[in-house]
Amino acid sequence: MSAYPELLDCASVLNAEGIATVVPEPEDEVVQQLSLFEFETFKRRVSFAHLRKIRDPRTYGVLAVNVDRHGILNYVGPNTFAEIAVAFAQSKKIFLLQNVPEAYHDELSAWRATPLLGRLDRLIATFREDCMVEDPQARLFD
């Protein structure tokens, strides 16, 4: 969630291009006031709900917003890696906003994750090619 503002920016761009997005529930200041038990209950609930959305047959793929964090280039946190693994297990497309992080290079390469190098237009083009049909209805009388 450390890249939440960037995640919202990406969702906004994709939504403007007609690509529906699913964004995880934010962890706001209220969460910081929860007891450990309450926080774990909250985290379990929102994580399960988000992973269920990734598994949904209507979900095309996942975009990991892996901006540099904590002094690590192309950082992918544990929750994001779990989301990527679920997407892989469900044969979904995997996109990385930046490049492949060194720590997960072997897995993400084998899982055919696509590094976008900051260019969402590559994801948009791939989505359109795979999912958007100009005129799906048969033209019988042309």
N, C-alpha and C. Protein backbone atom coordinates (compact mmCIF):
# COMPACT_ATOMS: atom_id res chain seq x y z
N MET A 1 0.81 -1.20 0.00
CA MET A 1 0.00 0.00 0.00
C MET A 1 0.86 1.26 0.00
N SER A 2 2.17 1.09 0.07
CA SER A 2 3.04 2.28 0.07
C SER A 2 3.00 3.02 -1.27
N ALA A 3 2.56 2.35 -2.32
CA ALA A 3 2.47 2.98 -3.64
C ALA A 3 1.01 3.28 -4.00
N TYR A 4 0.15 3.44 -3.00
CA TYR A 4 -1.27 3.63 -3.25
C TYR A 4 -1.58 4.85 -4.12
N PRO A 5 -0.93 6.00 -3.89
CA PRO A 5 -1.21 7.14 -4.78
C PRO A 5 -0.87 6.84 -6.25
N GLU A 6 0.24 6.17 -6.49
CA GLU A 6 0.62 5.80 -7.85
C GLU A 6 -0.37 4.78 -8.43
N LEU A 7 -0.85 3.87 -7.58
CA LEU A 7 -1.83 2.88 -8.00
C LEU A 7 -3.11 3.58 -8.45
N LEU A 8 -3.56 4.58 -7.69
CA LEU A 8 -4.76 5.33 -8.06
C LEU A 8 -4.56 6.09 -9.37
N ASP A 9 -3.35 6.63 -9.58
CA ASP A 9 -3.05 7.31 -10.84
C ASP A 9 -3.16 6.35 -12.02
N CYS A 10 -2.59 5.16 -11.88
CA CYS A 10 -2.66 4.15 -12.95
C CYS A 10 -4.10 3.74 -13.22
N ALA A 11 -4.87 3.54 -12.16
CA ALA A 11 -6.28 3.16 -12.32
C ALA A 11 -7.04 4.24 -13.06
N SER A 12 -6.74 5.49 -12.76
CA SER A 12 -7.40 6.61 -13.43
C SER A 12 -7.11 6.61 -14.93
N VAL A 13 -5.85 6.40 -15.30
CA VAL A 13 -5.46 6.36 -16.71
C VAL A 13 -6.16 5.19 -17.42
N LEU A 14 -6.15 4.03 -16.80
CA LEU A 14 -6.77 2.85 -17.42
C LEU A 14 -8.28 3.03 -17.54
N ASN A 15 -8.91 3.56 -16.50
CA ASN A 15 -10.36 3.79 -16.55
C ASN A 15 -10.71 4.78 -17.66
N ALA A 16 -9.89 5.81 -17.83
CA ALA A 16 -10.12 6.79 -18.90
C ALA A 16 -10.03 6.16 -20.28
N GLU A 17 -9.29 5.06 -20.39
CA GLU A 17 -9.14 4.34 -21.65
C GLU A 17 -10.19 3.24 -21.82
N GLY A 18 -11.15 3.19 -20.91
CA GLY A 18 -12.22 2.21 -21.00
C GLY A 18 -11.87 0.85 -20.42
N ILE A 19 -10.82 0.79 -19.61
CA ILE A 19 -10.41 -0.46 -18.99
C ILE A 19 -10.81 -0.39 -17.51
N ALA A 20 -11.78 -1.20 -17.14
CA ALA A 20 -12.24 -1.22 -15.75
C ALA A 20 -11.13 -1.75 -14.85
N THR A 21 -11.01 -1.16 -13.68
CA THR A 21 -9.97 -1.57 -12.74
C THR A 21 -10.58 -1.94 -11.40
N VAL A 22 -9.86 -2.78 -10.67
CA VAL A 22 -10.21 -3.14 -9.31
C VAL A 22 -9.03 -2.73 -8.44
N VAL A 23 -9.30 -1.87 -7.49
CA VAL A 23 -8.25 -1.34 -6.63
C VAL A 23 -8.47 -1.86 -5.22
N PRO A 24 -7.40 -2.31 -4.54
CA PRO A 24 -7.57 -2.80 -3.17
C PRO A 24 -8.11 -1.69 -2.26
N GLU A 25 -8.78 -2.11 -1.21
CA GLU A 25 -9.30 -1.18 -0.22
C GLU A 25 -8.13 -0.49 0.48
N PRO A 26 -8.22 0.83 0.67
CA PRO A 26 -7.10 1.53 1.32
C PRO A 26 -7.02 1.21 2.81
N GLU A 27 -5.82 1.30 3.31
CA GLU A 27 -5.60 1.16 4.75
C GLU A 27 -5.38 2.57 5.29
N ASP A 28 -6.45 3.19 5.77
CA ASP A 28 -6.35 4.58 6.20
C ASP A 28 -5.92 4.69 7.66
N GLU A 29 -6.01 5.89 8.19
CA GLU A 29 -5.55 6.17 9.56
C GLU A 29 -6.32 5.36 10.60
N VAL A 30 -7.57 5.03 10.31
CA VAL A 30 -8.39 4.27 11.26
C VAL A 30 -7.74 2.92 11.55
N VAL A 31 -7.15 2.31 10.52
CA VAL A 31 -6.51 1.00 10.69
C VAL A 31 -5.38 1.07 11.70
N GLN A 32 -4.70 2.18 11.75
CA GLN A 32 -3.57 2.33 12.68
C GLN A 32 -4.03 2.33 14.13
N GLN A 33 -5.30 2.57 14.36
CA GLN A 33 -5.83 2.61 15.73
C GLN A 33 -6.39 1.26 16.18
N LEU A 34 -6.36 0.27 15.30
CA LEU A 34 -6.90 -1.04 15.63
C LEU A 34 -5.93 -1.83 16.49
N SER A 35 -6.47 -2.72 17.29
CA SER A 35 -5.63 -3.65 18.03
C SER A 35 -5.02 -4.63 17.03
N LEU A 36 -4.03 -5.40 17.45
CA LEU A 36 -3.40 -6.37 16.57
C LEU A 36 -4.44 -7.37 16.05
N PHE A 37 -5.31 -7.86 16.92
CA PHE A 37 -6.34 -8.81 16.51
C PHE A 37 -7.28 -8.17 15.49
N GLU A 38 -7.72 -6.95 15.76
CA GLU A 38 -8.63 -6.25 14.84
C GLU A 38 -7.96 -5.99 13.50
N PHE A 39 -6.68 -5.60 13.54
CA PHE A 39 -5.95 -5.35 12.30
C PHE A 39 -5.82 -6.63 11.47
N GLU A 40 -5.46 -7.73 12.13
CA GLU A 40 -5.33 -8.99 11.39
C GLU A 40 -6.66 -9.43 10.81
N THR A 41 -7.74 -9.22 11.53
CA THR A 41 -9.08 -9.54 11.02
C THR A 41 -9.39 -8.69 9.80
N PHE A 42 -9.11 -7.39 9.89
CA PHE A 42 -9.33 -6.48 8.77
C PHE A 42 -8.48 -6.89 7.58
N LYS A 43 -7.20 -7.14 7.81
CA LYS A 43 -6.27 -7.49 6.73
C LYS A 43 -6.68 -8.79 6.05
N ARG A 44 -7.10 -9.76 6.83
CA ARG A 44 -7.55 -11.04 6.28
C ARG A 44 -8.78 -10.82 5.40
N ARG A 45 -9.73 -10.01 5.86
CA ARG A 45 -10.96 -9.77 5.12
C ARG A 45 -10.69 -9.06 3.80
N VAL A 46 -9.91 -7.97 3.83
CA VAL A 46 -9.68 -7.22 2.59
C VAL A 46 -8.76 -7.99 1.64
N SER A 47 -7.79 -8.72 2.18
CA SER A 47 -6.92 -9.52 1.32
C SER A 47 -7.71 -10.60 0.60
N PHE A 48 -8.55 -11.29 1.34
CA PHE A 48 -9.34 -12.37 0.74
C PHE A 48 -10.28 -11.80 -0.33
N ALA A 49 -10.92 -10.68 -0.04
CA ALA A 49 -11.84 -10.07 -1.00
C ALA A 49 -11.10 -9.66 -2.27
N HIS A 50 -9.90 -9.09 -2.11
CA HIS A 50 -9.15 -8.65 -3.29
C HIS A 50 -8.64 -9.85 -4.10
N LEU A 51 -8.15 -10.87 -3.43
CA LEU A 51 -7.68 -12.06 -4.14
C LEU A 51 -8.84 -12.76 -4.86
N ARG A 52 -10.02 -12.72 -4.29
CA ARG A 52 -11.20 -13.28 -4.96
C ARG A 52 -11.48 -12.52 -6.25
N LYS A 53 -11.29 -11.20 -6.24
CA LYS A 53 -11.50 -10.40 -7.45
C LYS A 53 -10.46 -10.74 -8.52
N ILE A 54 -9.24 -11.03 -8.10
CA ILE A 54 -8.20 -11.42 -9.05
C ILE A 54 -8.58 -12.76 -9.69
N ARG A 55 -9.12 -13.67 -8.91
CA ARG A 55 -9.51 -14.99 -9.43
C ARG A 55 -10.75 -14.95 -10.30
N ASP A 56 -11.52 -13.89 -10.23
CA ASP A 56 -12.77 -13.77 -10.99
C ASP A 56 -12.49 -13.98 -12.48
N PRO A 57 -13.30 -14.79 -13.17
CA PRO A 57 -13.07 -15.03 -14.59
C PRO A 57 -13.10 -13.77 -15.45
N ARG A 58 -13.77 -12.73 -14.98
CA ARG A 58 -13.83 -11.48 -15.75
C ARG A 58 -12.56 -10.64 -15.61
N THR A 59 -11.69 -10.99 -14.69
CA THR A 59 -10.46 -10.24 -14.48
C THR A 59 -9.44 -10.65 -15.55
N TYR A 60 -8.97 -9.66 -16.27
CA TYR A 60 -8.01 -9.88 -17.36
C TYR A 60 -6.61 -10.16 -16.83
N GLY A 61 -6.18 -9.37 -15.87
CA GLY A 61 -4.82 -9.50 -15.35
C GLY A 61 -4.59 -8.60 -14.17
N VAL A 62 -3.34 -8.54 -13.75
CA VAL A 62 -2.96 -7.66 -12.64
C VAL A 62 -1.84 -6.73 -13.10
N LEU A 63 -1.86 -5.55 -12.52
CA LEU A 63 -0.78 -4.58 -12.72
C LEU A 63 -0.14 -4.33 -11.36
N ALA A 64 1.11 -4.73 -11.23
CA ALA A 64 1.86 -4.44 -10.02
C ALA A 64 2.50 -3.07 -10.18
N VAL A 65 2.12 -2.15 -9.32
CA VAL A 65 2.68 -0.79 -9.36
C VAL A 65 3.96 -0.84 -8.52
N ASN A 66 5.02 -1.29 -9.17
CA ASN A 66 6.27 -1.58 -8.47
C ASN A 66 7.28 -0.44 -8.62
N VAL A 67 6.93 0.69 -8.01
CA VAL A 67 7.84 1.83 -8.01
C VAL A 67 8.96 1.60 -7.00
N ASP A 68 10.03 2.35 -7.13
CA ASP A 68 11.16 2.21 -6.21
C ASP A 68 10.72 2.58 -4.79
N ARG A 69 11.00 1.70 -3.84
CA ARG A 69 10.65 1.92 -2.43
C ARG A 69 11.72 1.28 -1.55
N HIS A 70 11.89 1.86 -0.38
CA HIS A 70 12.79 1.29 0.62
C HIS A 70 14.20 1.07 0.06
N GLY A 71 14.62 1.92 -0.87
CA GLY A 71 15.94 1.79 -1.47
C GLY A 71 16.08 0.63 -2.44
N ILE A 72 14.97 0.05 -2.86
CA ILE A 72 14.98 -1.10 -3.77
C ILE A 72 14.34 -0.69 -5.09
N LEU A 73 15.06 -0.91 -6.18
CA LEU A 73 14.51 -0.62 -7.50
C LEU A 73 13.38 -1.58 -7.83
N ASN A 74 12.31 -1.08 -8.42
CA ASN A 74 11.20 -1.91 -8.89
C ASN A 74 10.60 -2.77 -7.78
N TYR A 75 10.45 -2.17 -6.60
CA TYR A 75 10.04 -2.90 -5.40
C TYR A 75 8.68 -3.59 -5.56
N VAL A 76 8.64 -4.86 -5.19
CA VAL A 76 7.39 -5.62 -5.09
C VAL A 76 7.31 -6.13 -3.66
N GLY A 77 6.27 -5.68 -2.95
CA GLY A 77 6.07 -6.10 -1.58
C GLY A 77 5.43 -7.47 -1.49
N PRO A 78 5.33 -8.01 -0.27
CA PRO A 78 4.79 -9.36 -0.09
C PRO A 78 3.34 -9.51 -0.56
N ASN A 79 2.48 -8.54 -0.28
CA ASN A 79 1.08 -8.65 -0.73
C ASN A 79 1.00 -8.61 -2.24
N THR A 80 1.77 -7.74 -2.86
CA THR A 80 1.77 -7.65 -4.32
C THR A 80 2.27 -8.94 -4.94
N PHE A 81 3.31 -9.52 -4.36
CA PHE A 81 3.80 -10.79 -4.89
C PHE A 81 2.75 -11.88 -4.75
N ALA A 82 2.00 -11.88 -3.64
CA ALA A 82 0.93 -12.85 -3.46
C ALA A 82 -0.14 -12.65 -4.53
N GLU A 83 -0.49 -11.40 -4.84
CA GLU A 83 -1.48 -11.12 -5.88
C GLU A 83 -0.99 -11.60 -7.24
N ILE A 84 0.29 -11.38 -7.52
CA ILE A 84 0.87 -11.85 -8.78
C ILE A 84 0.81 -13.37 -8.85
N ALA A 85 1.13 -14.05 -7.75
CA ALA A 85 1.11 -15.51 -7.74
C ALA A 85 -0.31 -16.04 -7.98
N VAL A 86 -1.30 -15.41 -7.38
CA VAL A 86 -2.68 -15.82 -7.61
C VAL A 86 -3.05 -15.61 -9.07
N ALA A 87 -2.65 -14.47 -9.63
CA ALA A 87 -2.94 -14.20 -11.05
C ALA A 87 -2.28 -15.26 -11.93
N PHE A 88 -1.05 -15.60 -11.63
CA PHE A 88 -0.36 -16.64 -12.41
C PHE A 88 -1.11 -17.97 -12.32
N ALA A 89 -1.52 -18.34 -11.11
CA ALA A 89 -2.22 -19.61 -10.90
C ALA A 89 -3.56 -19.64 -11.64
N GLN A 90 -4.11 -18.48 -11.93
CA GLN A 90 -5.39 -18.39 -12.63
C GLN A 90 -5.20 -18.08 -14.12
N SER A 91 -3.97 -18.15 -14.60
CA SER A 91 -3.63 -17.88 -16.01
C SER A 91 -4.01 -16.47 -16.45
N LYS A 92 -3.83 -15.49 -15.56
CA LYS A 92 -4.10 -14.09 -15.88
C LYS A 92 -2.81 -13.44 -16.38
N LYS A 93 -2.96 -12.36 -17.12
CA LYS A 93 -1.80 -11.57 -17.55
C LYS A 93 -1.21 -10.87 -16.33
N ILE A 94 0.10 -10.71 -16.34
CA ILE A 94 0.80 -10.03 -15.25
C ILE A 94 1.61 -8.91 -15.86
N PHE A 95 1.37 -7.69 -15.37
CA PHE A 95 2.11 -6.52 -15.83
C PHE A 95 2.81 -5.89 -14.63
N LEU A 96 4.01 -5.41 -14.86
CA LEU A 96 4.77 -4.67 -13.86
C LEU A 96 4.93 -3.24 -14.37
N LEU A 97 4.55 -2.26 -13.57
CA LEU A 97 4.63 -0.89 -14.03
C LEU A 97 6.06 -0.53 -14.43
N GLN A 98 7.01 -0.95 -13.65
CA GLN A 98 8.42 -0.68 -13.96
C GLN A 98 9.05 -1.93 -14.56
N ASN A 99 10.22 -2.27 -14.07
CA ASN A 99 10.94 -3.44 -14.58
C ASN A 99 10.79 -4.60 -13.60
N VAL A 100 11.35 -5.73 -13.93
CA VAL A 100 11.31 -6.91 -13.06
C VAL A 100 12.29 -6.70 -11.92
N PRO A 101 11.82 -6.83 -10.67
CA PRO A 101 12.74 -6.68 -9.54
C PRO A 101 13.70 -7.87 -9.48
N GLU A 102 14.92 -7.60 -9.16
CA GLU A 102 15.96 -8.63 -9.12
C GLU A 102 15.58 -9.78 -8.20
N ALA A 103 14.97 -9.48 -7.05
CA ALA A 103 14.64 -10.51 -6.06
C ALA A 103 13.68 -11.57 -6.61
N TYR A 104 12.85 -11.20 -7.56
CA TYR A 104 11.85 -12.14 -8.10
C TYR A 104 12.06 -12.41 -9.59
N HIS A 105 13.25 -12.17 -10.08
CA HIS A 105 13.51 -12.28 -11.51
C HIS A 105 13.16 -13.65 -12.08
N ASP A 106 13.61 -14.71 -11.43
CA ASP A 106 13.37 -16.06 -11.95
C ASP A 106 11.88 -16.37 -12.04
N GLU A 107 11.14 -16.10 -10.95
CA GLU A 107 9.71 -16.40 -10.94
C GLU A 107 8.96 -15.56 -11.96
N LEU A 108 9.18 -14.25 -11.94
CA LEU A 108 8.40 -13.37 -12.81
C LEU A 108 8.73 -13.58 -14.28
N SER A 109 9.95 -13.95 -14.58
CA SER A 109 10.30 -14.27 -15.96
C SER A 109 9.60 -15.56 -16.38
N ALA A 110 9.63 -16.57 -15.53
CA ALA A 110 8.98 -17.84 -15.84
C ALA A 110 7.46 -17.66 -15.95
N TRP A 111 6.90 -16.74 -15.17
CA TRP A 111 5.46 -16.50 -15.19
C TRP A 111 5.06 -15.52 -16.29
N ARG A 112 6.04 -15.12 -17.10
CA ARG A 112 5.83 -14.23 -18.24
C ARG A 112 5.21 -12.88 -17.85
N ALA A 113 5.70 -12.34 -16.76
CA ALA A 113 5.29 -10.99 -16.37
C ALA A 113 5.84 -10.00 -17.39
N THR A 114 5.04 -9.03 -17.76
CA THR A 114 5.44 -8.04 -18.75
C THR A 114 5.88 -6.75 -18.06
N PRO A 115 7.18 -6.40 -18.14
CA PRO A 115 7.61 -5.12 -17.58
C PRO A 115 7.22 -4.00 -18.54
N LEU A 116 6.52 -2.99 -18.02
CA LEU A 116 6.04 -1.89 -18.86
C LEU A 116 7.01 -0.72 -18.92
N LEU A 117 8.02 -0.72 -18.06
CA LEU A 117 9.02 0.34 -18.03
C LEU A 117 8.36 1.72 -17.94
N GLY A 118 7.27 1.79 -17.16
CA GLY A 118 6.57 3.04 -16.94
C GLY A 118 5.57 3.42 -18.02
N ARG A 119 5.36 2.55 -19.00
CA ARG A 119 4.50 2.89 -20.16
C ARG A 119 3.19 2.09 -20.11
N LEU A 120 2.16 2.71 -19.57
CA LEU A 120 0.86 2.06 -19.51
C LEU A 120 0.26 1.82 -20.89
N ASP A 121 0.72 2.58 -21.88
CA ASP A 121 0.19 2.39 -23.23
C ASP A 121 0.43 0.97 -23.74
N ARG A 122 1.46 0.31 -23.26
CA ARG A 122 1.72 -1.07 -23.66
C ARG A 122 0.66 -2.01 -23.09
N LEU A 123 0.26 -1.79 -21.85
CA LEU A 123 -0.82 -2.58 -21.25
C LEU A 123 -2.12 -2.31 -21.99
N ILE A 124 -2.40 -1.04 -22.26
CA ILE A 124 -3.63 -0.65 -22.95
C ILE A 124 -3.70 -1.32 -24.32
N ALA A 125 -2.62 -1.29 -25.06
CA ALA A 125 -2.60 -1.91 -26.39
C ALA A 125 -2.81 -3.42 -26.30
N THR A 126 -2.17 -4.07 -25.36
CA THR A 126 -2.33 -5.51 -25.19
C THR A 126 -3.76 -5.86 -24.81
N PHE A 127 -4.33 -5.09 -23.90
CA PHE A 127 -5.72 -5.33 -23.49
C PHE A 127 -6.66 -5.17 -24.67
N ARG A 128 -6.49 -4.10 -25.42
CA ARG A 128 -7.37 -3.88 -26.58
C ARG A 128 -7.23 -5.00 -27.60
N GLU A 129 -6.02 -5.42 -27.84
CA GLU A 129 -5.79 -6.51 -28.81
C GLU A 129 -6.45 -7.80 -28.35
N ASP A 130 -6.37 -8.09 -27.05
CA ASP A 130 -6.92 -9.34 -26.52
C ASP A 130 -8.43 -9.29 -26.26
N CYS A 131 -8.95 -8.12 -25.90
CA CYS A 131 -10.31 -8.08 -25.35
C CYS A 131 -11.32 -7.21 -26.09
N MET A 132 -10.86 -6.22 -26.78
CA MET A 132 -11.81 -5.28 -27.38
C MET A 132 -11.97 -5.57 -28.86
N VAL A 133 -13.19 -5.79 -29.25
CA VAL A 133 -13.51 -6.06 -30.64
C VAL A 133 -14.25 -4.85 -31.18
N GLU A 134 -13.81 -4.34 -32.32
CA GLU A 134 -14.43 -3.14 -32.90
C GLU A 134 -15.92 -3.33 -33.14
N ASP A 135 -16.30 -4.39 -33.86
CA ASP A 135 -17.70 -4.62 -34.21
C ASP A 135 -17.97 -6.12 -34.09
N PRO A 136 -18.38 -6.57 -32.89
CA PRO A 136 -18.53 -8.01 -32.69
C PRO A 136 -19.73 -8.63 -33.40
N GLN A 137 -20.66 -7.83 -33.85
CA GLN A 137 -21.86 -8.37 -34.49
C GLN A 137 -21.57 -8.69 -35.96
N ALA A 138 -22.05 -9.82 -36.41
CA ALA A 138 -21.87 -10.22 -37.80
C ALA A 138 -22.65 -9.27 -38.70
N ARG A 139 -22.02 -8.87 -39.78
CA ARG A 139 -22.68 -7.98 -40.74
C ARG A 139 -23.19 -8.85 -41.89
N LEU A 140 -24.50 -9.05 -41.90
CA LEU A 140 -25.08 -9.96 -42.89
C LEU A 140 -25.50 -9.26 -44.17
N PHE A 141 -25.77 -7.96 -44.10
CA PHE A 141 -26.35 -7.29 -45.25
C PHE A 141 -25.49 -6.16 -45.80
N ASP A 142 -24.20 -6.24 -45.66
CA ASP A 142 -23.31 -5.19 -46.21
C ASP A 142 -23.01 -5.44 -47.66
